[in-house]
PDB file of N, CA and C in Angstrom:
ATOM      1  N   MET A   1     165.679 123.884 134.546  1.00  0.00           N
ATOM      2  CA  MET A   1     164.931 123.698 133.769  1.00  0.00           C
ATOM      3  C   MET A   1     165.626 122.999 132.202  1.00  0.00           C
ATOM      4  N   THR A   2     164.885 122.318 131.549  1.00  0.00           N
ATOM      5  CA  THR A   2     164.778 121.430 130.636  1.00  0.00           C
ATOM      6  C   THR A   2     165.032 122.194 129.581  1.00  0.00           C
ATOM      7  N   GLN A   3     166.212 121.965 128.358  1.00  0.00           N
ATOM      8  CA  GLN A   3     166.351 122.555 127.372  1.00  0.00           C
ATOM      9  C   GLN A   3     165.442 121.420 125.982  1.00  0.00           C
ATOM     10  N   ILE A   4     164.834 121.729 125.263  1.00  0.00           N
ATOM     11  CA  ILE A   4     164.545 120.775 124.366  1.00  0.00           C
ATOM     12  C   ILE A   4     164.842 121.489 123.011  1.00  0.00           C
ATOM     13  N   THR A   5     165.229 120.798 122.055  1.00  0.00           N
ATOM     14  CA  THR A   5     165.560 121.544 120.864  1.00  0.00           C
ATOM     15  C   THR A   5     164.546 120.444 119.606  1.00  0.00           C
ATOM     16  N   ILE A   6     164.044 121.486 118.949  1.00  0.00           N
ATOM     17  CA  ILE A   6     163.000 120.953 117.518  1.00  0.00           C
ATOM     18  C   ILE A   6     163.722 121.129 116.419  1.00  0.00           C
ATOM     19  N   ARG A   7     164.032 119.699 116.018  1.00  0.00           N
ATOM     20  CA  ARG A   7     164.716 119.551 114.429  1.00  0.00           C
ATOM     21  C   ARG A   7     163.681 119.572 113.573  1.00  0.00           C
ATOM     22  N   GLN A   8     163.968 119.900 112.136  1.00  0.00           N
ATOM     23  CA  GLN A   8     163.558 119.669 110.580  1.00  0.00           C
ATOM     24  C   GLN A   8     161.948 120.385 110.756  1.00  0.00           C
ATOM     25  N   VAL A   9     162.359 121.528 110.979  1.00  0.00           N
ATOM     26  CA  VAL A   9     161.055 122.606 111.160  1.00  0.00           C
ATOM     27  C   VAL A   9     161.143 123.100 109.749  1.00  0.00           C
ATOM     28  N   GLU A  10     159.757 122.272 109.048  1.00  0.00           N
ATOM     29  CA  GLU A  10     159.463 123.011 107.781  1.00  0.00           C
ATOM     30  C   GLU A  10     159.406 124.323 107.436  1.00  0.00           C
ATOM     31  N   GLY A  11     160.220 125.111 106.170  1.00  0.00           N
ATOM     32  CA  GLY A  11     160.394 126.268 106.189  1.00  0.00           C
ATOM     33  C   GLY A  11     159.077 127.080 106.292  1.00  0.00           C
ATOM     34  N   PRO A  12     157.644 126.684 105.749  1.00  0.00           N
ATOM     35  CA  PRO A  12     156.423 127.681 105.802  1.00  0.00           C
ATOM     36  C   PRO A  12     156.267 127.478 107.485  1.00  0.00           C
ATOM     37  N   LEU A  13     156.382 126.809 108.176  1.00  0.00           N
ATOM     38  CA  LEU A  13     156.051 126.970 109.401  1.00  0.00           C
ATOM     39  C   LEU A  13     157.208 127.428 110.275  1.00  0.00           C
ATOM     40  N   ALA A  14     158.332 127.498 110.431  1.00  0.00           N
ATOM     41  CA  ALA A  14     159.224 128.529 110.245  1.00  0.00           C
ATOM     42  C   ALA A  14     158.949 129.581 110.179  1.00  0.00           C
ATOM     43  N   LYS A  15     158.479 130.004 109.077  1.00  0.00           N
ATOM     44  CA  LYS A  15     158.490 131.788 108.637  1.00  0.00           C
ATOM     45  C   LYS A  15     156.735 131.716 109.205  1.00  0.00           C
ATOM     46  N   GLN A  16     155.944 131.245 109.630  1.00  0.00           N
ATOM     47  CA  GLN A  16     154.960 131.448 110.212  1.00  0.00           C
ATOM     48  C   GLN A  16     155.280 131.711 111.510  1.00  0.00           C
ATOM     49  N   ILE A  17     155.906 131.020 112.413  1.00  0.00           N
ATOM     50  CA  ILE A  17     156.396 131.324 113.239  1.00  0.00           C
ATOM     51  C   ILE A  17     157.071 132.386 114.019  1.00  0.00           C
ATOM     52  N   ARG A  18     158.246 132.963 112.999  1.00  0.00           N
ATOM     53  CA  ARG A  18     158.572 133.948 112.718  1.00  0.00           C
ATOM     54  C   ARG A  18     157.692 135.285 112.514  1.00  0.00           C
ATOM     55  N   LYS A  19     156.874 135.018 111.901  1.00  0.00           N
ATOM     56  CA  LYS A  19     155.939 136.366 111.236  1.00  0.00           C
ATOM     57  C   LYS A  19     155.097 136.371 112.889  1.00  0.00           C
ATOM     58  N   GLU A  20     154.615 135.201 113.596  1.00  0.00           N
ATOM     59  CA  GLU A  20     153.773 135.236 114.516  1.00  0.00           C
ATOM     60  C   GLU A  20     154.324 136.150 115.832  1.00  0.00           C
ATOM     61  N   ALA A  21     155.912 135.687 115.700  1.00  0.00           N
ATOM     62  CA  ALA A  21     156.474 136.254 116.792  1.00  0.00           C
ATOM     63  C   ALA A  21     156.656 137.797 116.858  1.00  0.00           C
ATOM     64  N   ALA A  22     156.842 138.207 115.312  1.00  0.00           N
ATOM     65  CA  ALA A  22     157.595 139.534 115.376  1.00  0.00           C
ATOM     66  C   ALA A  22     156.216 140.211 115.384  1.00  0.00           C
ATOM     67  N   GLU A  23     154.839 139.888 114.706  1.00  0.00           N
ATOM     68  CA  GLU A  23     153.827 140.587 115.205  1.00  0.00           C
ATOM     69  C   GLU A  23     153.121 140.737 116.890  1.00  0.00           C
ATOM     70  N   SER A  24     153.470 139.890 117.334  1.00  0.00           N
ATOM     71  CA  SER A  24     153.414 140.189 118.886  1.00  0.00           C
ATOM     72  C   SER A  24     154.588 140.523 119.530  1.00  0.00           C
ATOM     73  N   GLY A  25     155.385 141.250 119.299  1.00  0.00           N
ATOM     74  CA  GLY A  25     156.624 141.613 119.631  1.00  0.00           C
ATOM     75  C   GLY A  25     157.425 140.866 120.842  1.00  0.00           C
ATOM     76  N   GLU A  26     157.462 139.327 120.817  1.00  0.00           N
ATOM     77  CA  GLU A  26     158.037 138.324 121.383  1.00  0.00           C
ATOM     78  C   GLU A  26     159.203 137.188 120.818  1.00  0.00           C
ATOM     79  N   SER A  27     160.223 137.246 121.146  1.00  0.00           N
ATOM     80  CA  SER A  27     160.942 136.007 120.512  1.00  0.00           C
ATOM     81  C   SER A  27     160.164 134.760 120.319  1.00  0.00           C
ATOM     82  N   MET A  28     160.571 134.330 119.341  1.00  0.00           N
ATOM     83  CA  MET A  28     160.240 133.027 119.052  1.00  0.00           C
ATOM     84  C   MET A  28     160.210 131.858 120.116  1.00  0.00           C
ATOM     85  N   ASN A  29     160.857 132.202 120.832  1.00  0.00           N
ATOM     86  CA  ASN A  29     161.182 130.942 122.149  1.00  0.00           C
ATOM     87  C   ASN A  29     159.989 131.496 123.021  1.00  0.00           C
ATOM     88  N   ALA A  30     159.849 132.336 123.274  1.00  0.00           N
ATOM     89  CA  ALA A  30     158.877 133.305 124.241  1.00  0.00           C
ATOM     90  C   ALA A  30     157.476 132.291 123.717  1.00  0.00           C
ATOM     91  N   LEU A  31     157.206 132.943 122.297  1.00  0.00           N
ATOM     92  CA  LEU A  31     155.968 132.462 121.824  1.00  0.00           C
ATOM     93  C   LEU A  31     155.803 130.911 121.905  1.00  0.00           C
ATOM     94  N   LEU A  32     156.792 130.239 121.444  1.00  0.00           N
ATOM     95  CA  LEU A  32     156.561 128.630 121.548  1.00  0.00           C
ATOM     96  C   LEU A  32     156.127 128.293 122.813  1.00  0.00           C
ATOM     97  N   LEU A  33     156.945 128.734 123.888  1.00  0.00           N
ATOM     98  CA  LEU A  33     156.535 128.424 124.952  1.00  0.00           C
ATOM     99  C   LEU A  33     155.223 128.804 125.594  1.00  0.00           C
ATOM    100  N   LYS A  34     154.492 129.866 125.546  1.00  0.00           N
ATOM    101  CA  LYS A  34     153.630 129.964 125.495  1.00  0.00           C
ATOM    102  C   LYS A  34     152.342 129.190 124.880  1.00  0.00           C
ATOM    103  N   LEU A  35     152.764 129.023 123.554  1.00  0.00           N
ATOM    104  CA  LEU A  35     151.654 128.022 122.860  1.00  0.00           C
ATOM    105  C   LEU A  35     151.851 126.676 123.478  1.00  0.00           C
ATOM    106  N   LEU A  36     152.992 126.289 123.980  1.00  0.00           N
ATOM    107  CA  LEU A  36     153.054 124.787 124.647  1.00  0.00           C
ATOM    108  C   LEU A  36     152.324 124.959 125.787  1.00  0.00           C
ATOM    109  N   ARG A  37     152.779 125.741 126.927  1.00  0.00           N
ATOM    110  CA  ARG A  37     151.634 125.936 128.303  1.00  0.00           C
ATOM    111  C   ARG A  37     150.420 126.048 127.839  1.00  0.00           C
ATOM    112  N   ARG A  38     150.096 126.623 126.769  1.00  0.00           N
ATOM    113  CA  ARG A  38     148.526 126.427 126.552  1.00  0.00           C
ATOM    114  C   ARG A  38     147.926 125.211 126.136  1.00  0.00           C
ATOM    115  N   HIS A  39     148.664 124.524 125.384  1.00  0.00           N
ATOM    116  CA  HIS A  39     148.244 123.417 124.912  1.00  0.00           C
ATOM    117  C   HIS A  39     148.405 122.476 126.096  1.00  0.00           C
ATOM    118  N   PHE A  40     149.635 122.436 126.833  1.00  0.00           N
ATOM    119  CA  PHE A  40     149.769 120.910 127.794  1.00  0.00           C
ATOM    120  C   PHE A  40     149.007 121.180 129.024  1.00  0.00           C
ATOM    121  N   LEU A  41     148.985 122.546 129.274  1.00  0.00           N
ATOM    122  CA  LEU A  41     148.967 122.895 130.781  1.00  0.00           C
ATOM    123  C   LEU A  41     147.356 123.376 130.714  1.00  0.00           C
ATOM    124  N   ARG A  42     146.695 123.634 129.624  1.00  0.00           N
ATOM    125  CA  ARG A  42     145.552 124.145 130.320  1.00  0.00           C
ATOM    126  C   ARG A  42     144.289 123.730 131.180  1.00  0.00           C
ATOM    127  N   ASN A  43     144.187 122.492 131.473  1.00  0.00           N
ATOM    128  CA  ASN A  43     143.353 121.682 132.355  1.00  0.00           C
ATOM    129  C   ASN A  43     144.348 121.544 133.681  1.00  0.00           C
ATOM    130  N   SER A  44     145.317 121.636 133.684  1.00  0.00           N
ATOM    131  CA  SER A  44     146.121 121.244 135.108  1.00  0.00           C
ATOM    132  C   SER A  44     146.361 122.405 136.240  1.00  0.00           C
ATOM    133  N   GLY A  45     145.728 123.823 136.011  1.00  0.00           N
ATOM    134  CA  GLY A  45     145.663 124.804 136.506  1.00  0.00           C
ATOM    135  C   GLY A  45     147.243 125.607 136.797  1.00  0.00           C
ATOM    136  N   GLU A  46     147.967 125.046 136.143  1.00  0.00           N
ATOM    137  CA  GLU A  46     149.178 125.798 135.875  1.00  0.00           C
ATOM    138  C   GLU A  46     149.615 126.564 134.606  1.00  0.00           C
ATOM    139  N   GLY A  47     150.125 127.469 134.361  1.00  0.00           N
ATOM    140  CA  GLY A  47     150.226 127.805 132.939  1.00  0.00           C
ATOM    141  C   GLY A  47     149.168 128.715 132.757  1.00  0.00           C
ATOM    142  N   ASN A  48     148.640 129.562 133.616  1.00  0.00           N
ATOM    143  CA  ASN A  48     147.562 130.253 133.232  1.00  0.00           C
ATOM    144  C   ASN A  48     147.795 131.589 133.369  1.00  0.00           C
ATOM    145  N   ASP A  49     149.193 132.185 133.526  1.00  0.00           N
ATOM    146  CA  ASP A  49     149.451 133.266 132.626  1.00  0.00           C
ATOM    147  C   ASP A  49     149.310 133.571 131.263  1.00  0.00           C
ATOM    148  N   ASP A  50     149.069 132.583 130.661  1.00  0.00           N
ATOM    149  CA  ASP A  50     149.088 132.902 129.066  1.00  0.00           C
ATOM    150  C   ASP A  50     147.634 133.043 128.937  1.00  0.00           C
ATOM    151  N   VAL A  51     146.730 133.136 129.764  1.00  0.00           N
ATOM    152  CA  VAL A  51     145.098 132.668 128.872  1.00  0.00           C
ATOM    153  C   VAL A  51     145.083 133.831 128.023  1.00  0.00           C
ATOM    154  N   GLU A  52     144.511 133.050 126.790  1.00  0.00           N
ATOM    155  CA  GLU A  52     143.833 133.794 125.806  1.00  0.00           C
ATOM    156  C   GLU A  52     142.775 134.592 126.185  1.00  0.00           C
ATOM    157  N   ARG A  53     142.819 135.977 125.920  1.00  0.00           N
ATOM    158  CA  ARG A  53     141.729 136.898 126.324  1.00  0.00           C
ATOM    159  C   ARG A  53     141.310 137.558 125.383  1.00  0.00           C
ATOM    160  N   ASN A  54     140.195 138.010 125.244  1.00  0.00           N
ATOM    161  CA  ASN A  54     139.196 138.698 124.087  1.00  0.00           C
ATOM    162  C   ASN A  54     138.968 140.336 124.495  1.00  0.00           C
ATOM    163  N   ASP A  55     139.836 140.958 124.544  1.00  0.00           N
ATOM    164  CA  ASP A  55     139.637 142.165 125.258  1.00  0.00           C
ATOM    165  C   ASP A  55     140.565 143.427 124.060  1.00  0.00           C
ATOM    166  N   LEU A  56     140.896 144.412 124.983  1.00  0.00           N
ATOM    167  CA  LEU A  56     141.309 145.239 124.183  1.00  0.00           C
ATOM    168  C   LEU A  56     143.007 145.405 124.512  1.00  0.00           C
ATOM    169  N   ARG A  57     143.606 144.480 124.512  1.00  0.00           N
ATOM    170  CA  ARG A  57     145.028 144.466 124.834  1.00  0.00           C
ATOM    171  C   ARG A  57     145.874 144.653 123.503  1.00  0.00           C
ATOM    172  N   GLN A  58     145.437 144.215 122.327  1.00  0.00           N
ATOM    173  CA  GLN A  58     146.080 144.345 121.121  1.00  0.00           C
ATOM    174  C   GLN A  58     146.034 145.712 120.863  1.00  0.00           C
ATOM    175  N   PHE A  59     145.386 146.566 121.385  1.00  0.00           N
ATOM    176  CA  PHE A  59     145.283 148.158 121.097  1.00  0.00           C
ATOM    177  C   PHE A  59     146.641 149.000 122.003  1.00  0.00           C
ATOM    178  N   GLN A  60     146.801 148.223 123.418  1.00  0.00           N
ATOM    179  CA  GLN A  60     147.886 149.187 124.042  1.00  0.00           C
ATOM    180  C   GLN A  60     148.652 149.584 123.116  1.00  0.00           C
ATOM    181  N   LYS A  61     149.437 149.289 122.318  1.00  0.00           N
ATOM    182  CA  LYS A  61     150.783 149.996 121.781  1.00  0.00           C
ATOM    183  C   LYS A  61     150.639 151.294 121.695  1.00  0.00           C
ATOM    184  N   GLY A  62     149.852 151.967 121.801  1.00  0.00           N
ATOM    185  CA  GLY A  62     149.488 153.396 121.711  1.00  0.00           C
ATOM    186  C   GLY A  62     148.744 154.313 120.517  1.00  0.00           C
ATOM    187  N   TRP A  63     149.041 154.937 120.043  1.00  0.00           N
ATOM    188  CA  TRP A  63     148.532 155.809 119.490  1.00  0.00           C
ATOM    189  C   TRP A  63     149.139 155.829 117.752  1.00  0.00           C
ATOM    190  N   ILE A  64     148.964 155.438 116.901  1.00  0.00           N
ATOM    191  CA  ILE A  64     148.996 155.640 115.603  1.00  0.00           C
ATOM    192  C   ILE A  64     148.330 156.949 114.378  1.00  0.00           C
ATOM    193  N   GLU A  65     149.509 157.614 113.732  1.00  0.00           N
ATOM    194  CA  GLU A  65     148.815 158.557 113.229  1.00  0.00           C
ATOM    195  C   GLU A  65     148.732 158.191 112.354  1.00  0.00           C
ATOM    196  N   ASP A  66     147.621 158.364 111.426  1.00  0.00           N
ATOM    197  CA  ASP A  66     146.815 157.976 110.489  1.00  0.00           C
ATOM    198  C   ASP A  66     146.608 159.164 109.519  1.00  0.00           C
ATOM    199  N   ALA A  67     147.488 159.611 108.593  1.00  0.00           N
ATOM    200  CA  ALA A  67     146.718 160.779 107.392  1.00  0.00           C
ATOM    201  C   ALA A  67     145.074 160.493 106.954  1.00  0.00           C
ATOM    202  N   GLU A  68     145.315 159.334 106.589  1.00  0.00           N
ATOM    203  CA  GLU A  68     143.791 158.787 105.730  1.00  0.00           C
ATOM    204  C   GLU A  68     142.857 159.157 106.729  1.00  0.00           C
ATOM    205  N   CYS A  69     142.859 158.599 108.004  1.00  0.00           N
ATOM    206  CA  CYS A  69     142.006 158.618 108.960  1.00  0.00           C
ATOM    207  C   CYS A  69     141.515 160.049 109.615  1.00  0.00           C
ATOM    208  N   GLU A  70     142.556 160.756 109.657  1.00  0.00           N
ATOM    209  CA  GLU A  70     142.705 162.306 109.934  1.00  0.00           C
ATOM    210  C   GLU A  70     141.640 162.738 108.839  1.00  0.00           C
ATOM    211  N   VAL A  71     142.080 162.514 107.674  1.00  0.00           N
ATOM    212  CA  VAL A  71     140.851 163.118 106.224  1.00  0.00           C
ATOM    213  C   VAL A  71     139.724 162.879 106.978  1.00  0.00           C
ATOM    214  N   ALA A  72     139.520 161.739 106.962  1.00  0.00           N
ATOM    215  CA  ALA A  72     137.618 160.986 106.812  1.00  0.00           C
ATOM    216  C   ALA A  72     137.395 161.837 108.480  1.00  0.00           C
ATOM    217  N   LEU A  73     137.903 161.872 109.040  1.00  0.00           N
ATOM    218  CA  LEU A  73     137.362 162.868 110.391  1.00  0.00           C
ATOM    219  C   LEU A  73     137.221 164.129 110.426  1.00  0.00           C
ATOM    220  N   ARG A  74     137.817 165.016 109.366  1.00  0.00           N
ATOM    221  CA  ARG A  74     137.655 166.482 109.503  1.00  0.00           C
ATOM    222  C   ARG A  74     136.555 166.643 109.382  1.00  0.00           C
ATOM    223  N   GLU A  75     135.350 166.122 108.763  1.00  0.00           N
ATOM    224  CA  GLU A  75     134.029 166.534 108.892  1.00  0.00           C
ATOM    225  C   GLU A  75     133.294 166.686 109.650  1.00  0.00           C
ATOM    226  N   PHE A  76     134.152 166.019 111.169  1.00  0.00           N
ATOM    227  CA  PHE A  76     133.355 166.118 112.372  1.00  0.00           C
ATOM    228  C   PHE A  76     133.671 167.713 113.008  1.00  0.00           C
ATOM    229  N   ASP A  77     134.902 168.187 112.368  1.00  0.00           N
ATOM    230  CA  ASP A  77     135.118 169.645 113.386  1.00  0.00           C
ATOM    231  C   ASP A  77     134.324 170.269 112.904  1.00  0.00           C
ATOM    232  N   GLN A  78     133.543 170.462 111.671  1.00  0.00           N
ATOM    233  CA  GLN A  78     132.284 171.314 111.806  1.00  0.00           C
ATOM    234  C   GLN A  78     131.270 171.339 112.438  1.00  0.00           C
ATOM    235  N   ILE A  79     130.418 172.234 112.884  1.00  0.00           N
ATOM    236  CA  ILE A  79     129.799 172.676 113.968  1.00  0.00           C
ATOM    237  C   ILE A  79     128.794 172.988 113.127  1.00  0.00           C
ATOM    238  N   ASP A  80     127.227 172.738 113.098  1.00  0.00           N
ATOM    239  CA  ASP A  80     126.269 172.855 112.468  1.00  0.00           C
ATOM    240  C   ASP A  80     125.623 173.765 113.473  1.00  0.00           C
ATOM    241  N   LYS A  81     125.422 175.096 113.207  1.00  0.00           N
ATOM    242  CA  LYS A  81     124.877 175.959 114.412  1.00  0.00           C
ATOM    243  C   LYS A  81     123.370 175.558 114.253  1.00  0.00           C
ATOM    244  N   ASP A  82     122.963 175.048 113.422  1.00  0.00           N
ATOM    245  CA  ASP A  82     121.688 174.701 113.169  1.00  0.00           C
ATOM    246  C   ASP A  82     121.065 173.995 114.250  1.00  0.00           C
ATOM    247  N   ASP A  83     121.591 173.020 114.329  1.00  0.00           N
ATOM    248  CA  ASP A  83     121.571 171.833 115.561  1.00  0.00           C
ATOM    249  C   ASP A  83     121.526 172.121 116.852  1.00  0.00           C
ATOM    250  N   TRP A  84     121.808 173.545 117.274  1.00  0.00           N
ATOM    251  CA  TRP A  84     122.121 174.017 118.460  1.00  0.00           C
ATOM    252  C   TRP A  84     121.411 175.059 118.964  1.00  0.00           C
ATOM    253  N   LYS A  85     120.369 175.220 118.012  1.00  0.00           N
ATOM    254  CA  LYS A  85     119.041 176.299 118.146  1.00  0.00           C
ATOM    255  C   LYS A  85     118.350 175.382 119.104  1.00  0.00           C
TER     256      LYS A  85
END
């Protein structure tokens, strides 16, 4: 494998790359490789492991406790007996 060094990355760009990598839970290197594959190999049949998907994978991280949501959902715990007659 070849190593490529990128120099003179402006502050705002570097900050955005770091932010995106952190949000996706991957290293900056992994993120940049994914983006490079997507851009340069998209029509070659190679690099299809990183196909951008429009699905629910972003929610795979598990359940997140949210007190505000719990308060909003409490009214659904009430059973209206008249509705079941």
